């Protein structure tokens, strides 16, 4: 009798379906490209996907609590540009610049959360405004052509790794990703994580029960900003410096989260499913590239997924409202 109780939540939060799709794509990659005939090919896939998975985990915290964070792509770009300008290729500057980047990401997240909760501005508008602010600041500072250089010790997080007997080179980005994912799972299984999901489902009920709704929402945005900074460190090390390095990543992260079955509007979803959604999206695009499909199709795929997710969420809300109405007894007539 324990099996149905164990599996029902996993099916309900979308984990099982996205893992099944991911497994199919990974098998398809093995047939489509010779590079995936060995573990090194899949480790390279994980290294490429690590920044997006980190962004998806941060986006999950915000979406499951009922918000949106559209600023993460511009934040990634700003972080990489700032790092290159301040480091100037000098290894001696790496440690304090990384600390500064993480602090800046946390600050941006806190500003997003505080404006959303204290000034009661919708998170969509707040983070869209932050996106424009960061884009404008980067362009004003660089003139569209970033200056400076990242040091070798900075780039090791995105490019380096540790040699293992069977797997070969295990990228540091994969190690960091696994550590963050484990920490996120433990956080969501704790009381704060469960309350964060409850905020997305019924904010008023959490507030009446004594929950600190505003603090939880600010925490979600802060975690999103912090993970965006960490993603920028990995992406800068892997891809280098560019004024477009984070362009469109906010939409990829949202697509990955909804692909993992996380309900837009909050209240339902698994952080593991969100991470799996990001890896599924990266696997899908890798497969399309191997098959020679035009890269422009990526945006179309993301658009279809987002529209389908919104439609599914609307159907779910309608069904829940009808269910509650059916359970509510009619008032007695005089």
C-alpha atoms as a PDB file:
ATOM      1  CA  UNK A   1       0.000   0.000   0.000  1.00  0.00           C
ATOM      2  CA  UNK A   2       3.022   2.286   0.295  1.00  0.00           C
ATOM      3  CA  UNK A   3       3.880   2.301  -3.420  1.00  0.00           C
ATOM      4  CA  UNK A   4       0.978   4.475  -4.599  1.00  0.00           C
ATOM      5  CA  UNK A   5       1.696   7.030  -1.868  1.00  0.00           C
ATOM      6  CA  UNK A   6       5.375   7.119  -2.889  1.00  0.00           C
ATOM      7  CA  UNK A   7       4.880   7.514  -6.619  1.00  0.00           C
ATOM      8  CA  UNK A   8       1.806   9.742  -6.723  1.00  0.00           C
ATOM      9  CA  UNK A   9       3.656  12.957  -5.692  1.00  0.00           C
ATOM     10  CA  UNK A  10       6.411  12.283  -8.218  1.00  0.00           C
ATOM     11  CA  UNK A  11       3.889  11.942 -11.003  1.00  0.00           C
ATOM     12  CA  UNK A  12       1.974  14.974  -9.761  1.00  0.00           C
ATOM     13  CA  UNK A  13       4.990  17.293  -9.637  1.00  0.00           C
ATOM     14  CA  UNK A  14       6.091  16.398 -13.162  1.00  0.00           C
ATOM     15  CA  UNK A  15       9.357  14.665 -12.232  1.00  0.00           C
ATOM     16  CA  UNK A  16       8.637  11.292 -13.816  1.00  0.00           C
ATOM     17  CA  UNK A  17       7.515  12.612 -17.253  1.00  0.00           C
ATOM     18  CA  UNK A  18      10.470  14.946 -17.733  1.00  0.00           C
ATOM     19  CA  UNK A  19      12.924  12.252 -16.627  1.00  0.00           C
ATOM     20  CA  UNK A  20      11.385   9.883 -19.174  1.00  0.00           C
ATOM     21  CA  UNK A  21      11.760  12.481 -21.950  1.00  0.00           C
ATOM     22  CA  UNK A  22      15.331  13.162 -20.846  1.00  0.00           C
ATOM     23  CA  UNK A  23      16.186   9.461 -20.996  1.00  0.00           C
ATOM     24  CA  UNK A  24      14.817   9.202 -24.548  1.00  0.00           C
ATOM     25  CA  UNK A  25      16.849  12.231 -25.653  1.00  0.00           C
ATOM     26  CA  UNK A  26      20.048  10.887 -24.093  1.00  0.00           C
ATOM     27  CA  UNK A  27      19.601   7.588 -25.940  1.00  0.00           C
ATOM     28  CA  UNK A  28      18.872   9.473 -29.171  1.00  0.00           C
ATOM     29  CA  UNK A  29      22.093  11.450 -28.731  1.00  0.00           C
ATOM     30  CA  UNK A  30      24.055   8.212 -28.503  1.00  0.00           C
ATOM     31  CA  UNK A  31      22.733   7.210 -31.939  1.00  0.00           C
ATOM     32  CA  UNK A  32      22.991  10.682 -33.513  1.00  0.00           C
ATOM     33  CA  UNK A  33      26.557  11.570 -32.549  1.00  0.00           C
ATOM     34  CA  UNK A  34      29.698   9.442 -32.069  1.00  0.00           C
ATOM     35  CA  UNK A  35      30.871  11.770 -29.279  1.00  0.00           C
ATOM     36  CA  UNK A  36      28.134  10.349 -27.048  1.00  0.00           C
ATOM     37  CA  UNK A  37      29.359   6.791 -27.376  1.00  0.00           C
ATOM     38  CA  UNK A  38      31.560   7.422 -24.311  1.00  0.00           C
ATOM     39  CA  UNK A  39      30.886   9.001 -20.890  1.00  0.00           C
ATOM     40  CA  UNK A  40      33.037  11.983 -21.851  1.00  0.00           C
ATOM     41  CA  UNK A  41      30.376  13.093 -24.333  1.00  0.00           C
ATOM     42  CA  UNK A  42      27.696  13.230 -21.662  1.00  0.00           C
ATOM     43  CA  UNK A  43      30.037  14.993 -19.230  1.00  0.00           C
ATOM     44  CA  UNK A  44      30.613  17.631 -21.913  1.00  0.00           C
ATOM     45  CA  UNK A  45      26.829  17.967 -22.226  1.00  0.00           C
ATOM     46  CA  UNK A  46      26.531  18.460 -18.469  1.00  0.00           C
ATOM     47  CA  UNK A  47      29.289  21.078 -18.557  1.00  0.00           C
ATOM     48  CA  UNK A  48      27.457  23.030 -21.261  1.00  0.00           C
ATOM     49  CA  UNK A  49      24.140  22.677 -19.456  1.00  0.00           C
ATOM     50  CA  UNK A  50      25.427  23.563 -15.955  1.00  0.00           C
ATOM     51  CA  UNK A  51      24.840  27.354 -16.186  1.00  0.00           C
ATOM     52  CA  UNK A  52      21.295  26.856 -17.516  1.00  0.00           C
ATOM     53  CA  UNK A  53      20.508  24.272 -14.827  1.00  0.00           C
ATOM     54  CA  UNK A  54      21.690  26.690 -12.126  1.00  0.00           C
ATOM     55  CA  UNK A  55      19.508  29.434 -13.600  1.00  0.00           C
ATOM     56  CA  UNK A  56      16.562  27.017 -13.738  1.00  0.00           C
ATOM     57  CA  UNK A  57      17.004  26.117 -10.061  1.00  0.00           C
ATOM     58  CA  UNK A  58      17.025  29.813  -9.137  1.00  0.00           C
ATOM     59  CA  UNK A  59      14.039  30.481 -11.391  1.00  0.00           C
ATOM     60  CA  UNK A  60      12.235  27.550  -9.761  1.00  0.00           C
ATOM     61  CA  UNK A  61      12.423  29.210  -6.337  1.00  0.00           C
ATOM     62  CA  UNK A  62      10.774  32.341  -7.737  1.00  0.00           C
ATOM     63  CA  UNK A  63       8.145  30.652  -9.914  1.00  0.00           C
ATOM     64  CA  UNK A  64       7.058  28.100  -7.322  1.00  0.00           C
ATOM     65  CA  UNK A  65       6.443  30.990  -4.896  1.00  0.00           C
ATOM     66  CA  UNK A  66       4.237  32.732  -7.453  1.00  0.00           C
ATOM     67  CA  UNK A  67       6.627  35.145  -9.203  1.00  0.00           C
ATOM     68  CA  UNK A  68       8.868  35.617 -12.245  1.00  0.00           C
ATOM     69  CA  UNK A  69      12.486  36.679 -12.633  1.00  0.00           C
ATOM     70  CA  UNK A  70      13.231  38.115 -16.061  1.00  0.00           C
ATOM     71  CA  UNK A  71      16.472  39.785 -14.986  1.00  0.00           C
ATOM     72  CA  UNK A  72      18.769  36.754 -14.783  1.00  0.00           C
ATOM     73  CA  UNK A  73      19.968  36.855 -18.393  1.00  0.00           C
ATOM     74  CA  UNK A  74      21.029  40.496 -18.168  1.00  0.00           C
ATOM     75  CA  UNK A  75      22.530  39.823 -14.748  1.00  0.00           C
ATOM     76  CA  UNK A  76      24.700  37.068 -16.228  1.00  0.00           C
ATOM     77  CA  UNK A  77      25.943  39.454 -18.925  1.00  0.00           C
ATOM     78  CA  UNK A  78      26.665  42.193 -16.378  1.00  0.00           C
ATOM     79  CA  UNK A  79      28.549  39.768 -14.136  1.00  0.00           C
ATOM     80  CA  UNK A  80      30.817  38.527 -16.938  1.00  0.00           C
ATOM     81  CA  UNK A  81      31.524  42.054 -18.187  1.00  0.00           C
ATOM     82  CA  UNK A  82      32.297  43.274 -14.645  1.00  0.00           C
ATOM     83  CA  UNK A  83      34.574  40.290 -14.020  1.00  0.00           C
ATOM     84  CA  UNK A  84      36.596  40.869 -17.177  1.00  0.00           C
ATOM     85  CA  UNK A  85      36.958  44.587 -16.485  1.00  0.00           C
ATOM     86  CA  UNK A  86      38.068  44.147 -12.868  1.00  0.00           C
ATOM     87  CA  UNK A  87      40.281  41.076 -13.234  1.00  0.00           C
ATOM     88  CA  UNK A  88      42.204  42.294 -16.313  1.00  0.00           C
ATOM     89  CA  UNK A  89      43.737  38.840 -16.711  1.00  0.00           C
ATOM     90  CA  UNK A  90      45.452  38.962 -13.303  1.00  0.00           C
ATOM     91  CA  UNK A  91      45.094  35.828 -11.176  1.00  0.00           C
ATOM     92  CA  UNK A  92      45.633  37.906  -8.035  1.00  0.00           C
ATOM     93  CA  UNK A  93      42.229  39.551  -8.591  1.00  0.00           C
ATOM     94  CA  UNK A  94      40.236  36.337  -9.039  1.00  0.00           C
ATOM     95  CA  UNK A  95      39.157  35.606  -5.463  1.00  0.00           C
ATOM     96  CA  UNK A  96      37.887  39.064  -4.490  1.00  0.00           C
ATOM     97  CA  UNK A  97      36.179  39.556  -7.854  1.00  0.00           C
ATOM     98  CA  UNK A  98      34.309  36.247  -7.482  1.00  0.00           C
ATOM     99  CA  UNK A  99      33.187  37.331  -4.000  1.00  0.00           C
ATOM    100  CA  UNK A 100      32.064  40.665  -5.480  1.00  0.00           C
ATOM    101  CA  UNK A 101      30.122  38.925  -8.272  1.00  0.00           C
ATOM    102  CA  UNK A 102      28.270  36.684  -5.817  1.00  0.00           C
ATOM    103  CA  UNK A 103      27.490  39.693  -3.628  1.00  0.00           C
ATOM    104  CA  UNK A 104      26.245  41.700  -6.618  1.00  0.00           C
ATOM    105  CA  UNK A 105      23.983  38.858  -7.722  1.00  0.00           C
ATOM    106  CA  UNK A 106      22.591  38.598  -4.211  1.00  0.00           C
ATOM    107  CA  UNK A 107      22.031  42.370  -4.104  1.00  0.00           C
ATOM    108  CA  UNK A 108      20.113  42.395  -7.398  1.00  0.00           C
ATOM    109  CA  UNK A 109      17.924  39.554  -6.149  1.00  0.00           C
ATOM    110  CA  UNK A 110      17.243  41.375  -2.887  1.00  0.00           C
ATOM    111  CA  UNK A 111      16.263  44.554  -4.752  1.00  0.00           C
ATOM    112  CA  UNK A 112      13.888  42.567  -6.970  1.00  0.00           C
ATOM    113  CA  UNK A 113      12.323  40.895  -3.941  1.00  0.00           C
ATOM    114  CA  UNK A 114      12.003  44.026  -1.826  1.00  0.00           C
ATOM    115  CA  UNK A 115      10.434  46.107  -4.594  1.00  0.00           C
ATOM    116  CA  UNK A 116       8.009  43.265  -5.348  1.00  0.00           C
ATOM    117  CA  UNK A 117       6.943  42.768  -1.730  1.00  0.00           C
ATOM    118  CA  UNK A 118       7.215  46.232  -0.179  1.00  0.00           C
ATOM    119  CA  UNK A 119       6.033  48.373  -3.095  1.00  0.00           C
ATOM    120  CA  UNK A 120       3.588  45.707  -4.322  1.00  0.00           C
ATOM    121  CA  UNK A 121       4.825  45.917  -7.903  1.00  0.00           C
ATOM    122  CA  UNK A 122       4.252  42.688  -9.892  1.00  0.00           C
ATOM    123  CA  UNK A 123       7.456  40.683 -10.167  1.00  0.00           C
ATOM    124  CA  UNK A 124       7.104  40.533 -13.945  1.00  0.00           C
ATOM    125  CA  UNK A 125       7.332  44.353 -14.124  1.00  0.00           C
ATOM    126  CA  UNK A 126      10.063  44.648 -11.485  1.00  0.00           C
ATOM    127  CA  UNK A 127      12.399  42.133 -13.096  1.00  0.00           C
ATOM    128  CA  UNK A 128      11.650  43.433 -16.593  1.00  0.00           C
ATOM    129  CA  UNK A 129      12.713  46.859 -15.361  1.00  0.00           C
ATOM    130  CA  UNK A 130      15.851  45.367 -13.797  1.00  0.00           C
ATOM    131  CA  UNK A 131      16.617  43.649 -17.112  1.00  0.00           C
ATOM    132  CA  UNK A 132      16.486  46.996 -18.906  1.00  0.00           C
ATOM    133  CA  UNK A 133      18.559  48.723 -16.208  1.00  0.00           C
ATOM    134  CA  UNK A 134      21.314  46.106 -16.377  1.00  0.00           C
ATOM    135  CA  UNK A 135      21.304  46.041 -20.180  1.00  0.00           C
ATOM    136  CA  UNK A 136      21.570  49.835 -20.311  1.00  0.00           C
ATOM    137  CA  UNK A 137      24.304  49.948 -17.691  1.00  0.00           C
ATOM    138  CA  UNK A 138      26.384  47.316 -19.503  1.00  0.00           C
ATOM    139  CA  UNK A 139      26.042  49.104 -22.824  1.00  0.00           C
ATOM    140  CA  UNK A 140      26.862  52.474 -21.264  1.00  0.00           C
ATOM    141  CA  UNK A 141      29.952  51.050 -19.556  1.00  0.00           C
ATOM    142  CA  UNK A 142      31.270  49.032 -22.499  1.00  0.00           C
ATOM    143  CA  UNK A 143      29.869  50.803 -25.558  1.00  0.00           C
ATOM    144  CA  UNK A 144      28.901  47.347 -26.818  1.00  0.00           C
ATOM    145  CA  UNK A 145      32.509  46.079 -26.749  1.00  0.00           C
ATOM    146  CA  UNK A 146      33.574  44.637 -23.359  1.00  0.00           C
ATOM    147  CA  UNK A 147      37.128  45.353 -22.252  1.00  0.00           C
ATOM    148  CA  UNK A 148      39.487  43.435 -20.027  1.00  0.00           C
ATOM    149  CA  UNK A 149      40.134  39.712 -19.734  1.00  0.00           C
ATOM    150  CA  UNK A 150      39.337  36.814 -17.430  1.00  0.00           C
ATOM    151  CA  UNK A 151      42.238  35.208 -15.609  1.00  0.00           C
ATOM    152  CA  UNK A 152      43.180  31.529 -16.041  1.00  0.00           C
ATOM    153  CA  UNK A 153      42.244  30.839 -12.404  1.00  0.00           C
ATOM    154  CA  UNK A 154      38.781  32.324 -13.036  1.00  0.00           C
ATOM    155  CA  UNK A 155      38.219  30.300 -16.195  1.00  0.00           C
ATOM    156  CA  UNK A 156      39.166  27.020 -14.525  1.00  0.00           C
ATOM    157  CA  UNK A 157      35.670  26.798 -12.993  1.00  0.00           C
ATOM    158  CA  UNK A 158      34.108  26.675 -16.448  1.00  0.00           C
ATOM    159  CA  UNK A 159      36.822  24.775 -18.304  1.00  0.00           C
ATOM    160  CA  UNK A 160      38.846  22.745 -15.804  1.00  0.00           C
ATOM    161  CA  UNK A 161      38.121  19.560 -13.922  1.00  0.00           C
ATOM    162  CA  UNK A 162      39.535  16.600 -12.049  1.00  0.00           C
ATOM    163  CA  UNK A 163      40.742  13.379 -13.708  1.00  0.00           C
ATOM    164  CA  UNK A 164      38.885  10.202 -12.751  1.00  0.00           C
ATOM    165  CA  UNK A 165      39.849   6.643 -13.745  1.00  0.00           C
ATOM    166  CA  UNK A 166      36.726   5.669 -15.716  1.00  0.00           C
ATOM    167  CA  UNK A 167      34.939   8.923 -16.510  1.00  0.00           C
ATOM    168  CA  UNK A 168      38.019  10.864 -17.507  1.00  0.00           C
ATOM    169  CA  UNK A 169      37.908  14.604 -16.846  1.00  0.00           C
ATOM    170  CA  UNK A 170      35.083  15.488 -14.454  1.00  0.00           C
ATOM    171  CA  UNK A 171      34.399  19.225 -15.001  1.00  0.00           C
ATOM    172  CA  UNK A 172      34.352  21.480 -11.956  1.00  0.00           C
ATOM    173  CA  UNK A 173      31.121  22.961 -13.282  1.00  0.00           C
ATOM    174  CA  UNK A 174      29.455  19.542 -12.941  1.00  0.00           C
ATOM    175  CA  UNK A 175      30.758  19.175  -9.383  1.00  0.00           C
ATOM    176  CA  UNK A 176      29.423  22.632  -8.491  1.00  0.00           C
ATOM    177  CA  UNK A 177      26.091  21.841 -10.166  1.00  0.00           C
ATOM    178  CA  UNK A 178      25.651  18.601  -8.214  1.00  0.00           C
ATOM    179  CA  UNK A 179      26.488  20.349  -4.934  1.00  0.00           C
ATOM    180  CA  UNK A 180      23.927  23.095  -5.624  1.00  0.00           C
ATOM    181  CA  UNK A 181      21.264  20.581  -6.658  1.00  0.00           C
ATOM    182  CA  UNK A 182      21.737  18.516  -3.494  1.00  0.00           C
ATOM    183  CA  UNK A 183      21.556  21.682  -1.371  1.00  0.00           C
ATOM    184  CA  UNK A 184      18.393  22.793  -3.218  1.00  0.00           C
ATOM    185  CA  UNK A 185      16.711  19.412  -2.689  1.00  0.00           C
ATOM    186  CA  UNK A 186      17.514  19.459   1.035  1.00  0.00           C
ATOM    187  CA  UNK A 187      16.260  23.047   1.284  1.00  0.00           C
ATOM    188  CA  UNK A 188      12.956  22.241  -0.416  1.00  0.00           C
ATOM    189  CA  UNK A 189      12.418  19.241   1.855  1.00  0.00           C
ATOM    190  CA  UNK A 190      12.774  21.444   4.920  1.00  0.00           C
ATOM    191  CA  UNK A 191      10.113  23.603   6.491  1.00  0.00           C
ATOM    192  CA  UNK A 192      11.154  26.786   4.695  1.00  0.00           C
ATOM    193  CA  UNK A 193      11.077  25.113   1.295  1.00  0.00           C
ATOM    194  CA  UNK A 194       7.662  23.585   1.888  1.00  0.00           C
ATOM    195  CA  UNK A 195       6.295  26.925   3.049  1.00  0.00           C
ATOM    196  CA  UNK A 196       7.740  28.557  -0.078  1.00  0.00           C
ATOM    197  CA  UNK A 197       5.643  26.199  -2.226  1.00  0.00           C
ATOM    198  CA  UNK A 198       2.611  26.909  -0.035  1.00  0.00           C
ATOM    199  CA  UNK A 199       3.051  30.641  -0.657  1.00  0.00           C
ATOM    200  CA  UNK A 200       2.665  30.038  -4.375  1.00  0.00           C
ATOM    201  CA  UNK A 201      -0.421  27.895  -3.820  1.00  0.00           C
ATOM    202  CA  UNK A 202      -2.270  30.116  -1.343  1.00  0.00           C
ATOM    203  CA  UNK A 203      -0.457  33.186  -0.094  1.00  0.00           C
ATOM    204  CA  UNK A 204      -3.335  34.341   2.109  1.00  0.00           C
ATOM    205  CA  UNK A 205      -3.551  31.009   3.911  1.00  0.00           C
ATOM    206  CA  UNK A 206       0.182  31.058   4.680  1.00  0.00           C
ATOM    207  CA  UNK A 207      -0.080  34.608   5.984  1.00  0.00           C
ATOM    208  CA  UNK A 208      -3.064  33.740   8.200  1.00  0.00           C
ATOM    209  CA  UNK A 209      -1.120  30.761   9.540  1.00  0.00           C
ATOM    210  CA  UNK A 210       1.673  33.066  10.652  1.00  0.00           C
ATOM    211  CA  UNK A 211       4.041  32.506   7.737  1.00  0.00           C
ATOM    212  CA  UNK A 212       6.405  35.320   6.755  1.00  0.00           C
ATOM    213  CA  UNK A 213       5.293  35.588   3.137  1.00  0.00           C
ATOM    214  CA  UNK A 214       7.316  38.677   2.241  1.00  0.00           C
ATOM    215  CA  UNK A 215      10.534  37.256   3.678  1.00  0.00           C
ATOM    216  CA  UNK A 216      10.057  34.016   1.763  1.00  0.00           C
ATOM    217  CA  UNK A 217       9.507  35.848  -1.513  1.00  0.00           C
ATOM    218  CA  UNK A 218      12.570  38.022  -0.958  1.00  0.00           C
ATOM    219  CA  UNK A 219      14.551  34.870  -0.167  1.00  0.00           C
ATOM    220  CA  UNK A 220      13.415  33.294  -3.448  1.00  0.00           C
ATOM    221  CA  UNK A 221      14.598  36.305  -5.477  1.00  0.00           C
ATOM    222  CA  UNK A 222      17.859  36.465  -3.532  1.00  0.00           C
ATOM    223  CA  UNK A 223      18.584  32.809  -4.292  1.00  0.00           C
ATOM    224  CA  UNK A 224      17.775  33.405  -7.948  1.00  0.00           C
ATOM    225  CA  UNK A 225      20.222  36.303  -8.126  1.00  0.00           C
ATOM    226  CA  UNK A 226      22.919  34.351  -6.293  1.00  0.00           C
ATOM    227  CA  UNK A 227      22.595  31.355  -8.609  1.00  0.00           C
ATOM    228  CA  UNK A 228      22.616  33.664 -11.645  1.00  0.00           C
ATOM    229  CA  UNK A 229      25.959  35.017 -10.435  1.00  0.00           C
ATOM    230  CA  UNK A 230      27.292  31.488 -10.027  1.00  0.00           C
ATOM    231  CA  UNK A 231      26.031  30.602 -13.520  1.00  0.00           C
ATOM    232  CA  UNK A 232      27.836  33.680 -14.878  1.00  0.00           C
ATOM    233  CA  UNK A 233      31.107  32.506 -13.329  1.00  0.00           C
ATOM    234  CA  UNK A 234      30.786  29.116 -15.015  1.00  0.00           C
ATOM    235  CA  UNK A 235      29.577  30.552 -18.319  1.00  0.00           C
ATOM    236  CA  UNK A 236      32.324  33.171 -18.411  1.00  0.00           C
ATOM    237  CA  UNK A 237      34.930  30.496 -17.828  1.00  0.00           C
ATOM    238  CA  UNK A 238      33.451  28.291 -20.536  1.00  0.00           C
ATOM    239  CA  UNK A 239      32.432  30.788 -23.230  1.00  0.00           C
ATOM    240  CA  UNK A 240      34.557  33.854 -22.497  1.00  0.00           C
ATOM    241  CA  UNK A 241      33.610  37.535 -22.457  1.00  0.00           C
ATOM    242  CA  UNK A 242      30.796  38.885 -24.596  1.00  0.00           C
ATOM    243  CA  UNK A 243      28.163  41.605 -24.314  1.00  0.00           C
ATOM    244  CA  UNK A 244      25.568  39.015 -25.385  1.00  0.00           C
ATOM    245  CA  UNK A 245      26.684  36.095 -23.225  1.00  0.00           C
ATOM    246  CA  UNK A 246      23.460  36.075 -21.184  1.00  0.00           C
ATOM    247  CA  UNK A 247      21.051  37.119 -23.922  1.00  0.00           C
ATOM    248  CA  UNK A 248      17.841  35.079 -23.844  1.00  0.00           C
ATOM    249  CA  UNK A 249      18.885  32.973 -20.847  1.00  0.00           C
ATOM    250  CA  UNK A 250      15.943  34.228 -18.789  1.00  0.00           C
ATOM    251  CA  UNK A 251      13.494  32.717 -21.280  1.00  0.00           C
ATOM    252  CA  UNK A 252      15.479  29.491 -21.488  1.00  0.00           C
ATOM    253  CA  UNK A 253      15.379  29.199 -17.706  1.00  0.00           C
ATOM    254  CA  UNK A 254      11.613  29.776 -17.594  1.00  0.00           C
ATOM    255  CA  UNK A 255      11.133  27.266 -20.430  1.00  0.00           C
ATOM    256  CA  UNK A 256      13.222  24.708 -18.566  1.00  0.00           C
ATOM    257  CA  UNK A 257      11.229  25.168 -15.365  1.00  0.00           C
ATOM    258  CA  UNK A 258       7.833  24.783 -17.030  1.00  0.00           C
ATOM    259  CA  UNK A 259       9.152  21.843 -19.060  1.00  0.00           C
ATOM    260  CA  UNK A 260       9.870  20.234 -15.686  1.00  0.00           C
ATOM    261  CA  UNK A 261       6.197  20.493 -14.792  1.00  0.00           C
ATOM    262  CA  UNK A 262       6.469  23.466 -12.426  1.00  0.00           C
ATOM    263  CA  UNK A 263       3.152  25.301 -12.438  1.00  0.00           C
ATOM    264  CA  UNK A 264       3.301  28.910 -13.601  1.00  0.00           C
ATOM    265  CA  UNK A 265       1.705  30.936 -10.854  1.00  0.00           C
ATOM    266  CA  UNK A 266       3.296  28.755  -8.170  1.00  0.00           C
ATOM    267  CA  UNK A 267       2.176  26.117  -5.744  1.00  0.00           C
ATOM    268  CA  UNK A 268       3.380  22.978  -7.488  1.00  0.00           C
ATOM    269  CA  UNK A 269       6.635  21.572  -8.790  1.00  0.00           C
ATOM    270  CA  UNK A 270       9.877  19.845  -7.919  1.00  0.00           C
ATOM    271  CA  UNK A 271      13.350  21.384  -7.983  1.00  0.00           C
ATOM    272  CA  UNK A 272      14.692  18.110  -9.407  1.00  0.00           C
ATOM    273  CA  UNK A 273      12.149  18.315 -12.227  1.00  0.00           C
ATOM    274  CA  UNK A 274      13.157  21.915 -12.931  1.00  0.00           C
ATOM    275  CA  UNK A 275      16.823  20.910 -13.163  1.00  0.00           C
ATOM    276  CA  UNK A 276      15.873  17.945 -15.355  1.00  0.00           C
ATOM    277  CA  UNK A 277      13.866  20.298 -17.560  1.00  0.00           C
ATOM    278  CA  UNK A 278      16.979  22.423 -18.152  1.00  0.00           C
ATOM    279  CA  UNK A 279      19.055  19.368 -19.005  1.00  0.00           C
ATOM    280  CA  UNK A 280      16.261  18.109 -21.278  1.00  0.00           C
ATOM    281  CA  UNK A 281      16.170  21.441 -23.105  1.00  0.00           C
ATOM    282  CA  UNK A 282      19.952  21.426 -23.589  1.00  0.00           C
ATOM    283  CA  UNK A 283      19.823  17.797 -24.783  1.00  0.00           C
ATOM    284  CA  UNK A 284      17.051  18.641 -27.246  1.00  0.00           C
ATOM    285  CA  UNK A 285      18.999  21.543 -28.744  1.00  0.00           C
ATOM    286  CA  UNK A 286      22.145  19.399 -28.957  1.00  0.00           C
ATOM    287  CA  UNK A 287      20.184  16.719 -30.790  1.00  0.00           C
ATOM    288  CA  UNK A 288      18.712  19.280 -33.200  1.00  0.00           C
ATOM    289  CA  UNK A 289      22.209  20.585 -33.936  1.00  0.00           C
ATOM    290  CA  UNK A 290      23.474  17.078 -34.646  1.00  0.00           C
ATOM    291  CA  UNK A 291      20.554  16.525 -37.004  1.00  0.00           C
ATOM    292  CA  UNK A 292      21.360  19.758 -38.842  1.00  0.00           C
ATOM    293  CA  UNK A 293      18.174  21.561 -37.824  1.00  0.00           C
ATOM    294  CA  UNK A 294      18.413  25.360 -37.991  1.00  0.00           C
ATOM    295  CA  UNK A 295      19.278  27.072 -34.729  1.00  0.00           C
ATOM    296  CA  UNK A 296      16.387  29.498 -35.208  1.00  0.00           C
ATOM    297  CA  UNK A 297      14.055  26.621 -34.313  1.00  0.00           C
ATOM    298  CA  UNK A 298      15.260  26.849 -30.707  1.00  0.00           C
ATOM    299  CA  UNK A 299      13.258  30.016 -30.080  1.00  0.00           C
ATOM    300  CA  UNK A 300      10.179  28.450 -31.672  1.00  0.00           C
ATOM    301  CA  UNK A 301      10.510  25.383 -29.438  1.00  0.00           C
ATOM    302  CA  UNK A 302      10.794  27.566 -26.331  1.00  0.00           C
ATOM    303  CA  UNK A 303       7.729  29.558 -27.395  1.00  0.00           C
ATOM    304  CA  UNK A 304       5.637  26.419 -27.917  1.00  0.00           C
ATOM    305  CA  UNK A 305       6.657  25.055 -24.500  1.00  0.00           C
ATOM    306  CA  UNK A 306       5.822  28.308 -22.684  1.00  0.00           C
ATOM    307  CA  UNK A 307       2.439  28.705 -24.411  1.00  0.00           C
ATOM    308  CA  UNK A 308       1.551  25.070 -23.701  1.00  0.00           C
ATOM    309  CA  UNK A 309       2.586  25.484 -20.052  1.00  0.00           C
ATOM    310  CA  UNK A 310       0.455  28.611 -19.621  1.00  0.00           C
ATOM    311  CA  UNK A 311      -2.530  26.869 -21.236  1.00  0.00           C
ATOM    312  CA  UNK A 312      -2.049  23.841 -18.985  1.00  0.00           C
ATOM    313  CA  UNK A 313      -1.773  26.072 -15.905  1.00  0.00           C
ATOM    314  CA  UNK A 314      -5.000  27.868 -16.862  1.00  0.00           C
ATOM    315  CA  UNK A 315      -6.820  24.566 -17.248  1.00  0.00           C
ATOM    316  CA  UNK A 316      -5.487  23.449 -13.870  1.00  0.00           C
ATOM    317  CA  UNK A 317      -6.652  26.631 -12.139  1.00  0.00           C
ATOM    318  CA  UNK A 318     -10.101  26.300 -13.709  1.00  0.00           C
ATOM    319  CA  UNK A 319     -10.351  22.671 -12.610  1.00  0.00           C
ATOM    320  CA  UNK A 320      -9.346  23.547  -9.030  1.00  0.00           C
ATOM    321  CA  UNK A 321     -11.889  26.364  -8.857  1.00  0.00           C
ATOM    322  CA  UNK A 322     -14.656  24.054 -10.105  1.00  0.00           C
ATOM    323  CA  UNK A 323     -13.612  21.402  -7.594  1.00  0.00           C
ATOM    324  CA  UNK A 324     -13.698  23.897  -4.713  1.00  0.00           C
ATOM    325  CA  UNK A 325     -17.072  25.199  -5.858  1.00  0.00           C
ATOM    326  CA  UNK A 326     -18.452  21.659  -5.966  1.00  0.00           C
ATOM    327  CA  UNK A 327     -17.240  20.979  -2.415  1.00  0.00           C
ATOM    328  CA  UNK A 328     -18.623  24.238  -0.999  1.00  0.00           C
ATOM    329  CA  UNK A 329     -22.125  23.701   0.410  1.00  0.00           C
ATOM    330  CA  UNK A 330     -24.814  26.048  -0.791  1.00  0.00           C
ATOM    331  CA  UNK A 331     -26.174  28.453   1.862  1.00  0.00           C
ATOM    332  CA  UNK A 332     -29.433  27.419   3.391  1.00  0.00           C
ATOM    333  CA  UNK A 333     -32.437  29.182   1.992  1.00  0.00           C
ATOM    334  CA  UNK A 334     -34.794  30.894   4.439  1.00  0.00           C
END
